[in-house]
Amino acid sequence: MGVEAFIRWQHPEHRFLTPYQFLPQIDPADLINSLFTLVLNEATKQWRVWSKQSLMISIALNVTARDLMNLDLAN
């Protein structure tokens, strides 16, 4: 059993936007790494909660090539 971490942006005027709709705007501003870190931290927090409840649920998370090159990713 597993889940996938999805991110959506609740835009004040356009409801929920998918990554396809907002990632092209944040990538040039180099905010993609900060967003990835945020999603990774939230996913691992949730995994810890489930783990304490003896729920063995894996979490899938999309990773960019830039994130894979980050030597601190494993930490």
PDB file of N, CA and C in Angstrom:
ATOM      1  N   MET A   1       0.852  -1.167   0.000  1.00  0.00           N
ATOM      2  CA  MET A   1       0.000   0.000   0.000  1.00  0.00           C
ATOM      3  C   MET A   1       0.897   1.229   0.000  1.00  0.00           C
ATOM      4  N   GLY A   2       0.517   2.230  -0.755  1.00  0.00           N
ATOM      5  CA  GLY A   2       1.306   3.443  -0.816  1.00  0.00           C
ATOM      6  C   GLY A   2       0.478   4.620  -1.289  1.00  0.00           C
ATOM      7  N   VAL A   3       1.066   5.778  -1.177  1.00  0.00           N
ATOM      8  CA  VAL A   3       0.431   7.019  -1.610  1.00  0.00           C
ATOM      9  C   VAL A   3       1.449   7.831  -2.401  1.00  0.00           C
ATOM     10  N   GLU A   4       0.951   8.824  -3.112  1.00  0.00           N
ATOM     11  CA  GLU A   4       1.833   9.739  -3.820  1.00  0.00           C
ATOM     12  C   GLU A   4       1.568  11.138  -3.301  1.00  0.00           C
ATOM     13  N   ALA A   5       2.626  11.873  -3.022  1.00  0.00           N
ATOM     14  CA  ALA A   5       2.497  13.250  -2.550  1.00  0.00           C
ATOM     15  C   ALA A   5       2.261  14.159  -3.752  1.00  0.00           C
ATOM     16  N   PHE A   6       1.123  14.786  -3.777  1.00  0.00           N
ATOM     17  CA  PHE A   6       0.779  15.734  -4.839  1.00  0.00           C
ATOM     18  C   PHE A   6       0.736  17.135  -4.255  1.00  0.00           C
ATOM     19  N   ILE A   7       1.094  18.098  -5.049  1.00  0.00           N
ATOM     20  CA  ILE A   7       0.989  19.484  -4.605  1.00  0.00           C
ATOM     21  C   ILE A   7       0.026  20.220  -5.531  1.00  0.00           C
ATOM     22  N   ARG A   8      -0.770  21.051  -4.923  1.00  0.00           N
ATOM     23  CA  ARG A   8      -1.694  21.923  -5.654  1.00  0.00           C
ATOM     24  C   ARG A   8      -1.577  23.304  -5.028  1.00  0.00           C
ATOM     25  N   TRP A   9      -1.786  24.332  -5.826  1.00  0.00           N
ATOM     26  CA  TRP A   9      -1.742  25.697  -5.316  1.00  0.00           C
ATOM     27  C   TRP A   9      -3.164  26.226  -5.303  1.00  0.00           C
ATOM     28  N   GLN A  10      -3.618  26.632  -4.130  1.00  0.00           N
ATOM     29  CA  GLN A  10      -4.948  27.224  -4.036  1.00  0.00           C
ATOM     30  C   GLN A  10      -4.821  28.713  -4.352  1.00  0.00           C
ATOM     31  N   HIS A  11      -4.967  29.022  -5.620  1.00  0.00           N
ATOM     32  CA  HIS A  11      -4.843  30.385  -6.118  1.00  0.00           C
ATOM     33  C   HIS A  11      -6.080  31.168  -5.677  1.00  0.00           C
ATOM     34  N   PRO A  12      -5.907  32.424  -5.250  1.00  0.00           N
ATOM     35  CA  PRO A  12      -7.058  33.196  -4.764  1.00  0.00           C
ATOM     36  C   PRO A  12      -8.144  33.441  -5.810  1.00  0.00           C
ATOM     37  N   GLU A  13      -7.792  33.416  -7.083  1.00  0.00           N
ATOM     38  CA  GLU A  13      -8.779  33.697  -8.128  1.00  0.00           C
ATOM     39  C   GLU A  13      -9.115  32.488  -9.002  1.00  0.00           C
ATOM     40  N   HIS A  14      -8.241  31.488  -9.052  1.00  0.00           N
ATOM     41  CA  HIS A  14      -8.407  30.397 -10.012  1.00  0.00           C
ATOM     42  C   HIS A  14      -8.586  29.022  -9.368  1.00  0.00           C
ATOM     43  N   ARG A  15      -9.013  28.965  -8.137  1.00  0.00           N
ATOM     44  CA  ARG A  15      -9.185  27.701  -7.417  1.00  0.00           C
ATOM     45  C   ARG A  15      -7.851  26.969  -7.326  1.00  0.00           C
ATOM     46  N   PHE A  16      -7.894  25.635  -7.422  1.00  0.00           N
ATOM     47  CA  PHE A  16      -6.674  24.848  -7.313  1.00  0.00           C
ATOM     48  C   PHE A  16      -5.978  24.730  -8.657  1.00  0.00           C
ATOM     49  N   LEU A  17      -4.672  25.034  -8.659  1.00  0.00           N
ATOM     50  CA  LEU A  17      -3.860  24.899  -9.865  1.00  0.00           C
ATOM     51  C   LEU A  17      -2.977  23.668  -9.729  1.00  0.00           C
ATOM     52  N   THR A  18      -2.807  22.943 -10.816  1.00  0.00           N
ATOM     53  CA  THR A  18      -1.939  21.770 -10.821  1.00  0.00           C
ATOM     54  C   THR A  18      -0.492  22.216 -11.023  1.00  0.00           C
ATOM     55  N   PRO A  19       0.478  21.351 -10.715  1.00  0.00           N
ATOM     56  CA  PRO A  19       1.883  21.714 -10.957  1.00  0.00           C
ATOM     57  C   PRO A  19       2.138  22.103 -12.405  1.00  0.00           C
ATOM     58  N   TYR A  20       1.453  21.446 -13.319  1.00  0.00           N
ATOM     59  CA  TYR A  20       1.597  21.771 -14.742  1.00  0.00           C
ATOM     60  C   TYR A  20       1.284  23.245 -14.998  1.00  0.00           C
ATOM     61  N   GLN A  21       0.366  23.802 -14.202  1.00  0.00           N
ATOM     62  CA  GLN A  21      -0.057  25.183 -14.405  1.00  0.00           C
ATOM     63  C   GLN A  21       0.860  26.204 -13.716  1.00  0.00           C
ATOM     64  N   PHE A  22       1.503  25.824 -12.597  1.00  0.00           N
ATOM     65  CA  PHE A  22       2.288  26.841 -11.895  1.00  0.00           C
ATOM     66  C   PHE A  22       3.791  26.595 -11.840  1.00  0.00           C
ATOM     67  N   LEU A  23       4.249  25.384 -12.075  1.00  0.00           N
ATOM     68  CA  LEU A  23       5.696  25.136 -12.019  1.00  0.00           C
ATOM     69  C   LEU A  23       6.496  25.917 -13.056  1.00  0.00           C
ATOM     70  N   PRO A  24       6.008  26.103 -14.282  1.00  0.00           N
ATOM     71  CA  PRO A  24       6.783  26.894 -15.243  1.00  0.00           C
ATOM     72  C   PRO A  24       7.063  28.324 -14.760  1.00  0.00           C
ATOM     73  N   GLN A  25       6.203  28.865 -13.905  1.00  0.00           N
ATOM     74  CA  GLN A  25       6.421  30.221 -13.405  1.00  0.00           C
ATOM     75  C   GLN A  25       7.439  30.264 -12.258  1.00  0.00           C
ATOM     76  N   ILE A  26       7.525  29.195 -11.474  1.00  0.00           N
ATOM     77  CA  ILE A  26       8.455  29.250 -10.338  1.00  0.00           C
ATOM     78  C   ILE A  26       9.835  28.712 -10.679  1.00  0.00           C
ATOM     79  N   ASP A  27       9.938  27.903 -11.722  1.00  0.00           N
ATOM     80  CA  ASP A  27      11.236  27.333 -12.077  1.00  0.00           C
ATOM     81  C   ASP A  27      12.264  28.404 -12.434  1.00  0.00           C
ATOM     82  N   PRO A  28      11.943  29.402 -13.274  1.00  0.00           N
ATOM     83  CA  PRO A  28      12.941  30.430 -13.591  1.00  0.00           C
ATOM     84  C   PRO A  28      13.365  31.251 -12.363  1.00  0.00           C
ATOM     85  N   ALA A  29      12.494  31.340 -11.377  1.00  0.00           N
ATOM     86  CA  ALA A  29      12.817  32.102 -10.168  1.00  0.00           C
ATOM     87  C   ALA A  29      13.622  31.259  -9.177  1.00  0.00           C
ATOM     88  N   ASP A  30      13.947  30.017  -9.571  1.00  0.00           N
ATOM     89  CA  ASP A  30      14.726  29.096  -8.755  1.00  0.00           C
ATOM     90  C   ASP A  30      14.042  28.787  -7.420  1.00  0.00           C
ATOM     91  N   LEU A  31      12.719  28.771  -7.438  1.00  0.00           N
ATOM     92  CA  LEU A  31      11.954  28.422  -6.241  1.00  0.00           C
ATOM     93  C   LEU A  31      11.601  26.938  -6.207  1.00  0.00           C
ATOM     94  N   ILE A  32      11.911  26.228  -7.272  1.00  0.00           N
ATOM     95  CA  ILE A  32      11.536  24.826  -7.370  1.00  0.00           C
ATOM     96  C   ILE A  32      12.197  24.002  -6.271  1.00  0.00           C
ATOM     97  N   ASN A  33      13.431  24.322  -5.916  1.00  0.00           N
ATOM     98  CA  ASN A  33      14.115  23.579  -4.859  1.00  0.00           C
ATOM     99  C   ASN A  33      13.453  23.810  -3.516  1.00  0.00           C
ATOM    100  N   SER A  34      13.065  25.043  -3.239  1.00  0.00           N
ATOM    101  CA  SER A  34      12.371  25.342  -1.980  1.00  0.00           C
ATOM    102  C   SER A  34      11.031  24.622  -1.913  1.00  0.00           C
ATOM    103  N   LEU A  35      10.342  24.568  -3.027  1.00  0.00           N
ATOM    104  CA  LEU A  35       9.059  23.873  -3.081  1.00  0.00           C
ATOM    105  C   LEU A  35       9.258  22.378  -2.853  1.00  0.00           C
ATOM    106  N   PHE A  36      10.265  21.803  -3.503  1.00  0.00           N
ATOM    107  CA  PHE A  36      10.556  20.387  -3.309  1.00  0.00           C
ATOM    108  C   PHE A  36      10.864  20.095  -1.847  1.00  0.00           C
ATOM    109  N   THR A  37      11.678  20.935  -1.224  1.00  0.00           N
ATOM    110  CA  THR A  37      12.027  20.751   0.188  1.00  0.00           C
ATOM    111  C   THR A  37      10.781  20.799   1.064  1.00  0.00           C
ATOM    112  N   LEU A  38       9.901  21.735   0.790  1.00  0.00           N
ATOM    113  CA  LEU A  38       8.652  21.844   1.543  1.00  0.00           C
ATOM    114  C   LEU A  38       7.813  20.571   1.406  1.00  0.00           C
ATOM    115  N   VAL A  39       7.630  20.101   0.183  1.00  0.00           N
ATOM    116  CA  VAL A  39       6.823  18.897  -0.054  1.00  0.00           C
ATOM    117  C   VAL A  39       7.486  17.678   0.588  1.00  0.00           C
ATOM    118  N   LEU A  40       8.796  17.558   0.443  1.00  0.00           N
ATOM    119  CA  LEU A  40       9.516  16.438   1.047  1.00  0.00           C
ATOM    120  C   LEU A  40       9.363  16.442   2.567  1.00  0.00           C
ATOM    121  N   ASN A  41       9.514  17.611   3.190  1.00  0.00           N
ATOM    122  CA  ASN A  41       9.370  17.703   4.647  1.00  0.00           C
ATOM    123  C   ASN A  41       7.963  17.347   5.102  1.00  0.00           C
ATOM    124  N   GLU A  42       6.958  17.827   4.396  1.00  0.00           N
ATOM    125  CA  GLU A  42       5.567  17.513   4.768  1.00  0.00           C
ATOM    126  C   GLU A  42       5.275  16.021   4.582  1.00  0.00           C
ATOM    127  N   ALA A  43       5.777  15.437   3.505  1.00  0.00           N
ATOM    128  CA  ALA A  43       5.561  14.011   3.261  1.00  0.00           C
ATOM    129  C   ALA A  43       6.233  13.162   4.338  1.00  0.00           C
ATOM    130  N   THR A  44       7.440  13.531   4.737  1.00  0.00           N
ATOM    131  CA  THR A  44       8.124  12.745   5.770  1.00  0.00           C
ATOM    132  C   THR A  44       7.473  12.927   7.138  1.00  0.00           C
ATOM    133  N   LYS A  45       6.932  14.115   7.413  1.00  0.00           N
ATOM    134  CA  LYS A  45       6.174  14.297   8.665  1.00  0.00           C
ATOM    135  C   LYS A  45       4.979  13.356   8.703  1.00  0.00           C
ATOM    136  N   GLN A  46       4.246  13.285   7.583  1.00  0.00           N
ATOM    137  CA  GLN A  46       3.081  12.407   7.524  1.00  0.00           C
ATOM    138  C   GLN A  46       3.493  10.955   7.638  1.00  0.00           C
ATOM    139  N   TRP A  47       4.606  10.583   7.010  1.00  0.00           N
ATOM    140  CA  TRP A  47       5.088   9.212   7.096  1.00  0.00           C
ATOM    141  C   TRP A  47       5.413   8.843   8.543  1.00  0.00           C
ATOM    142  N   ARG A  48       6.008   9.774   9.280  1.00  0.00           N
ATOM    143  CA  ARG A  48       6.313   9.517  10.696  1.00  0.00           C
ATOM    144  C   ARG A  48       5.035   9.280  11.502  1.00  0.00           C
ATOM    145  N   VAL A  49       4.003  10.066  11.244  1.00  0.00           N
ATOM    146  CA  VAL A  49       2.721   9.892  11.937  1.00  0.00           C
ATOM    147  C   VAL A  49       2.177   8.492  11.661  1.00  0.00           C
ATOM    148  N   TRP A  50       2.159   8.104  10.388  1.00  0.00           N
ATOM    149  CA  TRP A  50       1.665   6.777  10.032  1.00  0.00           C
ATOM    150  C   TRP A  50       2.524   5.683  10.640  1.00  0.00           C
ATOM    151  N   SER A  51       3.831   5.880  10.648  1.00  0.00           N
ATOM    152  CA  SER A  51       4.748   4.890  11.195  1.00  0.00           C
ATOM    153  C   SER A  51       4.486   4.673  12.688  1.00  0.00           C
ATOM    154  N   LYS A  52       4.248   5.747  13.428  1.00  0.00           N
ATOM    155  CA  LYS A  52       3.939   5.637  14.860  1.00  0.00           C
ATOM    156  C   LYS A  52       2.625   4.900  15.103  1.00  0.00           C
ATOM    157  N   GLN A  53       1.760   4.907  14.106  1.00  0.00           N
ATOM    158  CA  GLN A  53       0.486   4.192  14.189  1.00  0.00           C
ATOM    159  C   GLN A  53       0.610   2.770  13.634  1.00  0.00           C
ATOM    160  N   SER A  54       1.842   2.347  13.402  1.00  0.00           N
ATOM    161  CA  SER A  54       2.152   1.026  12.837  1.00  0.00           C
ATOM    162  C   SER A  54       1.555   0.822  11.449  1.00  0.00           C
ATOM    163  N   LEU A  55       1.394   1.902  10.718  1.00  0.00           N
ATOM    164  CA  LEU A  55       0.934   1.833   9.331  1.00  0.00           C
ATOM    165  C   LEU A  55       2.161   1.915   8.424  1.00  0.00           C
ATOM    166  N   MET A  56       2.425   0.866   7.707  1.00  0.00           N
ATOM    167  CA  MET A  56       3.586   0.836   6.830  1.00  0.00           C
ATOM    168  C   MET A  56       3.146   1.248   5.428  1.00  0.00           C
ATOM    169  N   ILE A  57       3.128   2.539   5.194  1.00  0.00           N
ATOM    170  CA  ILE A  57       2.676   3.097   3.929  1.00  0.00           C
ATOM    171  C   ILE A  57       3.847   3.807   3.268  1.00  0.00           C
ATOM    172  N   SER A  58       4.137   3.438   2.042  1.00  0.00           N
ATOM    173  CA  SER A  58       5.209   4.122   1.318  1.00  0.00           C
ATOM    174  C   SER A  58       4.652   5.388   0.669  1.00  0.00           C
ATOM    175  N   ILE A  59       5.541   6.347   0.467  1.00  0.00           N
ATOM    176  CA  ILE A  59       5.163   7.613  -0.157  1.00  0.00           C
ATOM    177  C   ILE A  59       6.044   7.833  -1.382  1.00  0.00           C
ATOM    178  N   ALA A  60       5.418   8.076  -2.518  1.00  0.00           N
ATOM    179  CA  ALA A  60       6.145   8.401  -3.748  1.00  0.00           C
ATOM    180  C   ALA A  60       6.148   9.919  -3.915  1.00  0.00           C
ATOM    181  N   LEU A  61       7.256  10.433  -4.385  1.00  0.00           N
ATOM    182  CA  LEU A  61       7.422  11.869  -4.547  1.00  0.00           C
ATOM    183  C   LEU A  61       8.233  12.106  -5.811  1.00  0.00           C
ATOM    184  N   ASN A  62       7.752  12.979  -6.674  1.00  0.00           N
ATOM    185  CA  ASN A  62       8.504  13.300  -7.888  1.00  0.00           C
ATOM    186  C   ASN A  62       9.737  14.126  -7.534  1.00  0.00           C
ATOM    187  N   VAL A  63      10.833  13.801  -8.171  1.00  0.00           N
ATOM    188  CA  VAL A  63      12.113  14.462  -7.915  1.00  0.00           C
ATOM    189  C   VAL A  63      12.666  14.950  -9.238  1.00  0.00           C
ATOM    190  N   THR A  64      13.158  16.188  -9.258  1.00  0.00           N
ATOM    191  CA  THR A  64      13.761  16.721 -10.477  1.00  0.00           C
ATOM    192  C   THR A  64      15.226  16.289 -10.568  1.00  0.00           C
ATOM    193  N   ALA A  65      15.795  16.403 -11.750  1.00  0.00           N
ATOM    194  CA  ALA A  65      17.217  16.084 -11.931  1.00  0.00           C
ATOM    195  C   ALA A  65      18.074  16.971 -11.043  1.00  0.00           C
ATOM    196  N   ARG A  66      17.673  18.219 -10.878  1.00  0.00           N
ATOM    197  CA  ARG A  66      18.415  19.141 -10.017  1.00  0.00           C
ATOM    198  C   ARG A  66      18.412  18.657  -8.570  1.00  0.00           C
ATOM    199  N   ASP A  67      17.262  18.146  -8.109  1.00  0.00           N
ATOM    200  CA  ASP A  67      17.182  17.616  -6.749  1.00  0.00           C
ATOM    201  C   ASP A  67      18.065  16.384  -6.572  1.00  0.00           C
ATOM    202  N   LEU A  68      18.107  15.543  -7.591  1.00  0.00           N
ATOM    203  CA  LEU A  68      18.957  14.341  -7.503  1.00  0.00           C
ATOM    204  C   LEU A  68      20.432  14.697  -7.415  1.00  0.00           C
ATOM    205  N   MET A  69      20.827  15.815  -7.985  1.00  0.00           N
ATOM    206  CA  MET A  69      22.225  16.242  -7.936  1.00  0.00           C
ATOM    207  C   MET A  69      22.587  16.890  -6.608  1.00  0.00           C
ATOM    208  N   ASN A  70      21.598  17.155  -5.764  1.00  0.00           N
ATOM    209  CA  ASN A  70      21.829  17.770  -4.462  1.00  0.00           C
ATOM    210  C   ASN A  70      22.424  16.724  -3.526  1.00  0.00           C
ATOM    211  N   LEU A  71      23.645  16.934  -3.090  1.00  0.00           N
ATOM    212  CA  LEU A  71      24.328  15.964  -2.241  1.00  0.00           C
ATOM    213  C   LEU A  71      23.691  15.843  -0.856  1.00  0.00           C
ATOM    214  N   ASP A  72      22.914  16.823  -0.430  1.00  0.00           N
ATOM    215  CA  ASP A  72      22.251  16.780   0.868  1.00  0.00           C
ATOM    216  C   ASP A  72      20.868  16.137   0.810  1.00  0.00           C
ATOM    217  N   LEU A  73      20.450  15.646  -0.336  1.00  0.00           N
ATOM    218  CA  LEU A  73      19.113  15.092  -0.490  1.00  0.00           C
ATOM    219  C   LEU A  73      18.843  13.971   0.514  1.00  0.00           C
ATOM    220  N   ALA A  74      19.781  13.078   0.692  1.00  0.00           N
ATOM    221  CA  ALA A  74      19.562  11.948   1.613  1.00  0.00           C
ATOM    222  C   ALA A  74      19.385  12.404   3.049  1.00  0.00           C
ATOM    223  N   ASN A  75      20.017  13.500   3.408  1.00  0.00           N
ATOM    224  CA  ASN A  75      19.869  14.001   4.788  1.00  0.00           C
ATOM    225  C   ASN A  75      18.463  14.527   4.998  1.00  0.00           C
TER     226      ASN A  75
END
